[in-house]
Structure formats: C-alpha cells, structure tokens
Amino acid sequence: MKLSKRIVLIVTSISLILGAVACNHGDDDATLTGNVKAKIASDSGLSTAPVNVETKDGVVTLTGTVNSAADKSRAEQLARSVEGVKSVTNNLTVKPPVPVIAQDDPLKTQVVGNLGKYGIRGITVTVANGEVTLEGDLPRAKLQDAMKAANEAHPRKVINKLNLK
C-alpha cells in the first residue's frame, strides 16, 4: 500500500509541475511581448512608428516599418535587452528616404528660365529663403531684363551682385 501511495504522489507531483510549466509558458510569451512593447515604446531615442511584437517560445519577432536603419537596430537591441528573451527575429523594414526638394529649387528654376527667355546667359542664380541673388558679368543694357526676369518669379527679394560692363 505504501508503494502505491508513493507512486500516486509522484505521478500527481509530476502532473502538477508539467501543468504549471505548460500554463506559465503561454503567460511567459505574453509577458515578454508586453515587456518588449513597453521597452520600445518608452525609448526616447527611437523615433519610429509602432513596432509590432510577437513572441513564441521566448523568440521575439519584430515587424512593421521604421524610419531608419538606426531605428531598426535600436528596436532589436531593446528587445534583446528584455530579460527572458531567447532571441530576436528582426523583420522590420526601413522606409525609403524621401527626396528633399527645397522650396527654393522651383524658384531658381523659374528665374533661370526667365533669364533664358530674355536672352541672358552666364548669370549665376542662387536662392536662399526665397531671396534670389544674381551674380556675374552683364552688359548694362541687359540689367533691366535681368531684374525683370528675377522679379517675375515672385521672390521675397532680389539681390543684385551683377558686374555691369
């Protein structure tokens, strides 16, 4: 009788331990997911859209789109730093860079086109903050056309640094 009580006690103990491990496993993944999300969300150095986090058997998978390679690397680093994370699969994609076209570029293009319309060549046009600067050598007779060409583009200001011949 003693032997069967021991066997029952051992089997019951093993069942309880296995049951606890099985139940805690799902909770551990959910806890890890929450901890990784919180760590990423609280990092002020990470300027990115929300990162999706999934965890299975302690392996964290990151998905979504971030603004830079640095953000992608930082998110992975943060996930790896969470206690209990076994490994990280980083499936984050980096947004392609947006070409920067300064507002001054269209203004410069228009002034250069206007100068061409008036037959003026060899003048350097620079634009900064809506202000057009004209530089170069110009016959005195073409000065009025050059100023007209620049002003037709509606800049904030025209700066005349032309050398008149």
Protein backbone atom coordinates (compact mmCIF):
# COMPACT_ATOMS: atom_id res chain seq x y z
CA MET A 1 0.00 0.00 0.00
CA LYS A 2 2.83 2.37 0.78
CA LEU A 3 4.32 1.87 -2.67
CA SER A 4 1.10 2.75 -4.48
CA LYS A 5 0.64 5.90 -2.36
CA ARG A 6 4.17 6.95 -3.28
CA ILE A 7 3.53 6.29 -6.96
CA VAL A 8 0.30 8.28 -6.84
CA LEU A 9 2.08 11.08 -5.01
CA ILE A 10 4.95 11.12 -7.53
CA VAL A 11 2.62 11.00 -10.55
CA THR A 12 0.48 13.77 -9.06
CA SER A 13 3.54 15.92 -8.36
CA ILE A 14 4.88 15.44 -11.88
CA SER A 15 1.48 16.26 -13.36
CA LEU A 16 1.24 19.45 -11.31
CA ILE A 17 4.75 20.53 -12.31
CA LEU A 18 4.12 19.82 -16.00
CA GLY A 19 0.75 21.58 -15.84
CA ALA A 20 2.31 24.64 -14.21
CA VAL A 21 5.09 24.76 -16.82
CA ALA A 22 2.56 24.45 -19.65
CA CYS A 23 0.34 27.17 -18.23
CA ASN A 24 3.20 29.53 -17.48
CA HIS A 25 4.70 29.12 -20.95
CA GLY A 26 1.82 30.99 -22.60
CA ASP A 27 1.91 33.60 -19.88
CA ASP A 28 5.68 33.99 -20.32
CA ASP A 29 5.31 34.74 -24.04
CA ALA A 30 2.52 37.23 -23.37
CA THR A 31 4.58 38.83 -20.60
CA LEU A 32 7.66 39.01 -22.83
CA THR A 33 5.60 40.60 -25.62
CA GLY A 34 4.25 43.19 -23.20
CA ASN A 35 7.68 43.91 -21.74
CA VAL A 36 9.28 44.31 -25.18
CA LYS A 37 6.47 46.61 -26.36
CA ALA A 38 6.81 48.71 -23.22
CA LYS A 39 10.58 48.94 -23.56
CA ILE A 40 10.36 50.02 -27.21
CA ALA A 41 7.55 52.50 -26.54
CA SER A 42 9.41 54.13 -23.65
CA ASP A 43 12.68 54.65 -25.53
CA SER A 44 13.04 58.32 -26.43
CA GLY A 45 15.89 57.57 -28.85
CA LEU A 46 13.62 55.53 -31.09
CA SER A 47 11.77 57.84 -33.48
CA THR A 48 9.61 55.37 -35.27
CA ALA A 49 6.10 54.19 -35.95
CA PRO A 50 4.71 51.50 -33.64
CA VAL A 51 6.63 48.23 -33.84
CA ASN A 52 4.60 45.01 -33.87
CA VAL A 53 5.88 42.43 -31.38
CA GLU A 54 5.05 38.72 -31.27
CA THR A 55 6.61 36.09 -29.03
CA LYS A 56 6.62 32.31 -29.35
CA ASP A 57 8.68 30.11 -27.06
CA GLY A 58 10.74 33.12 -25.96
CA VAL A 59 11.62 34.13 -29.53
CA VAL A 60 10.53 37.70 -30.23
CA THR A 61 9.61 38.71 -33.79
CA LEU A 62 9.55 42.40 -34.70
CA THR A 63 7.54 43.57 -37.71
CA GLY A 64 6.48 46.92 -39.10
CA THR A 65 8.10 49.90 -40.77
CA VAL A 66 10.64 52.22 -39.17
CA ASN A 67 12.17 55.49 -40.30
CA SER A 68 15.82 54.48 -40.40
CA ALA A 69 18.32 51.65 -40.15
CA ALA A 70 19.30 53.09 -36.77
CA ASP A 71 15.69 52.71 -35.55
CA LYS A 72 15.62 49.11 -36.80
CA SER A 73 18.82 48.30 -34.97
CA ARG A 74 17.72 50.13 -31.81
CA ALA A 75 14.39 48.24 -31.68
CA GLU A 76 16.23 44.93 -31.93
CA GLN A 77 18.70 45.98 -29.26
CA LEU A 78 15.87 46.96 -26.91
CA ALA A 79 14.04 43.66 -27.49
CA ARG A 80 17.22 41.66 -26.78
CA SER A 81 17.72 43.56 -23.52
CA VAL A 82 14.43 42.30 -22.04
CA GLU A 83 15.01 39.54 -19.51
CA GLY A 84 13.74 36.18 -20.72
CA VAL A 85 14.04 36.88 -24.45
CA LYS A 86 15.88 33.96 -26.06
CA SER A 87 16.39 35.54 -29.47
CA VAL A 88 15.01 38.25 -31.75
CA THR A 89 13.91 37.95 -35.37
CA ASN A 90 14.04 41.45 -36.80
CA ASN A 91 11.65 41.69 -39.76
CA LEU A 92 11.36 45.47 -39.56
CA THR A 93 11.58 47.32 -42.86
CA VAL A 94 13.12 50.76 -43.29
CA LYS A 95 11.12 53.43 -45.10
CA PRO A 96 12.87 54.63 -48.26
CA PRO A 97 14.26 58.15 -47.87
CA VAL A 98 12.04 60.93 -49.11
CA PRO A 99 13.82 63.15 -51.61
CA VAL A 100 14.16 66.64 -50.21
CA ILE A 101 13.28 69.37 -52.63
CA ALA A 102 13.89 72.76 -51.16
CA GLN A 103 11.19 75.32 -51.80
CA ASP A 104 13.94 77.48 -53.27
CA ASP A 105 14.64 74.99 -56.10
CA PRO A 106 11.48 75.75 -58.13
CA LEU A 107 12.13 79.46 -57.67
CA LYS A 108 15.68 79.11 -59.00
CA THR A 109 14.44 77.04 -61.96
CA GLN A 110 11.89 79.71 -62.81
CA VAL A 111 14.42 82.57 -62.60
CA VAL A 112 16.93 80.70 -64.80
CA GLY A 113 14.15 80.01 -67.32
CA ASN A 114 13.09 83.67 -67.30
CA LEU A 115 16.68 84.81 -67.87
CA GLY A 116 16.85 82.49 -70.87
CA LYS A 117 13.61 83.95 -72.18
CA TYR A 118 15.27 87.40 -72.19
CA GLY A 119 18.42 86.03 -73.85
CA ILE A 120 20.58 86.41 -70.76
CA ARG A 121 23.30 83.79 -70.34
CA GLY A 122 26.23 83.33 -67.94
CA ILE A 123 24.49 84.66 -64.85
CA THR A 124 24.73 82.64 -61.61
CA VAL A 125 21.44 82.39 -59.76
CA THR A 126 21.34 81.32 -56.10
CA VAL A 127 18.26 81.21 -53.94
CA ALA A 128 18.09 81.08 -50.15
CA ASN A 129 14.94 81.54 -48.10
CA GLY A 130 13.06 82.91 -51.08
CA GLU A 131 15.72 85.53 -51.84
CA VAL A 132 17.26 85.45 -55.32
CA THR A 133 20.87 86.55 -55.79
CA LEU A 134 22.14 87.35 -59.29
CA GLU A 135 25.91 87.28 -59.88
CA GLY A 136 28.15 87.54 -62.90
CA ASP A 137 29.06 89.92 -65.70
CA LEU A 138 26.23 91.56 -67.61
CA PRO A 139 26.02 94.31 -70.25
CA ARG A 140 24.42 97.42 -68.72
CA ALA A 141 21.70 97.30 -71.41
CA LYS A 142 20.52 93.88 -70.10
CA LEU A 143 20.23 94.90 -66.42
CA GLN A 144 16.55 95.82 -66.62
CA ASP A 145 15.72 92.48 -68.33
CA ALA A 146 17.68 90.53 -65.71
CA MET A 147 15.86 92.23 -62.84
CA LYS A 148 12.53 91.74 -64.60
CA ALA A 149 13.31 88.02 -65.13
CA ALA A 150 14.10 87.58 -61.45
CA ASN A 151 11.07 89.53 -60.21
CA GLU A 152 8.66 87.64 -62.49
CA ALA A 153 9.35 84.56 -60.34
CA HIS A 154 7.95 86.46 -57.31
CA PRO A 155 10.84 86.05 -54.86
CA ARG A 156 10.82 87.72 -51.45
CA LYS A 157 13.77 89.80 -52.55
CA VAL A 158 16.25 90.16 -55.45
CA ILE A 159 19.87 90.82 -54.55
CA ASN A 160 21.85 92.33 -57.42
CA LYS A 161 25.55 91.43 -57.34
CA LEU A 162 25.97 91.81 -61.09
CA ASN A 163 29.08 93.39 -62.57
CA LEU A 164 27.90 95.77 -65.30
CA LYS A 165 30.03 96.19 -68.42
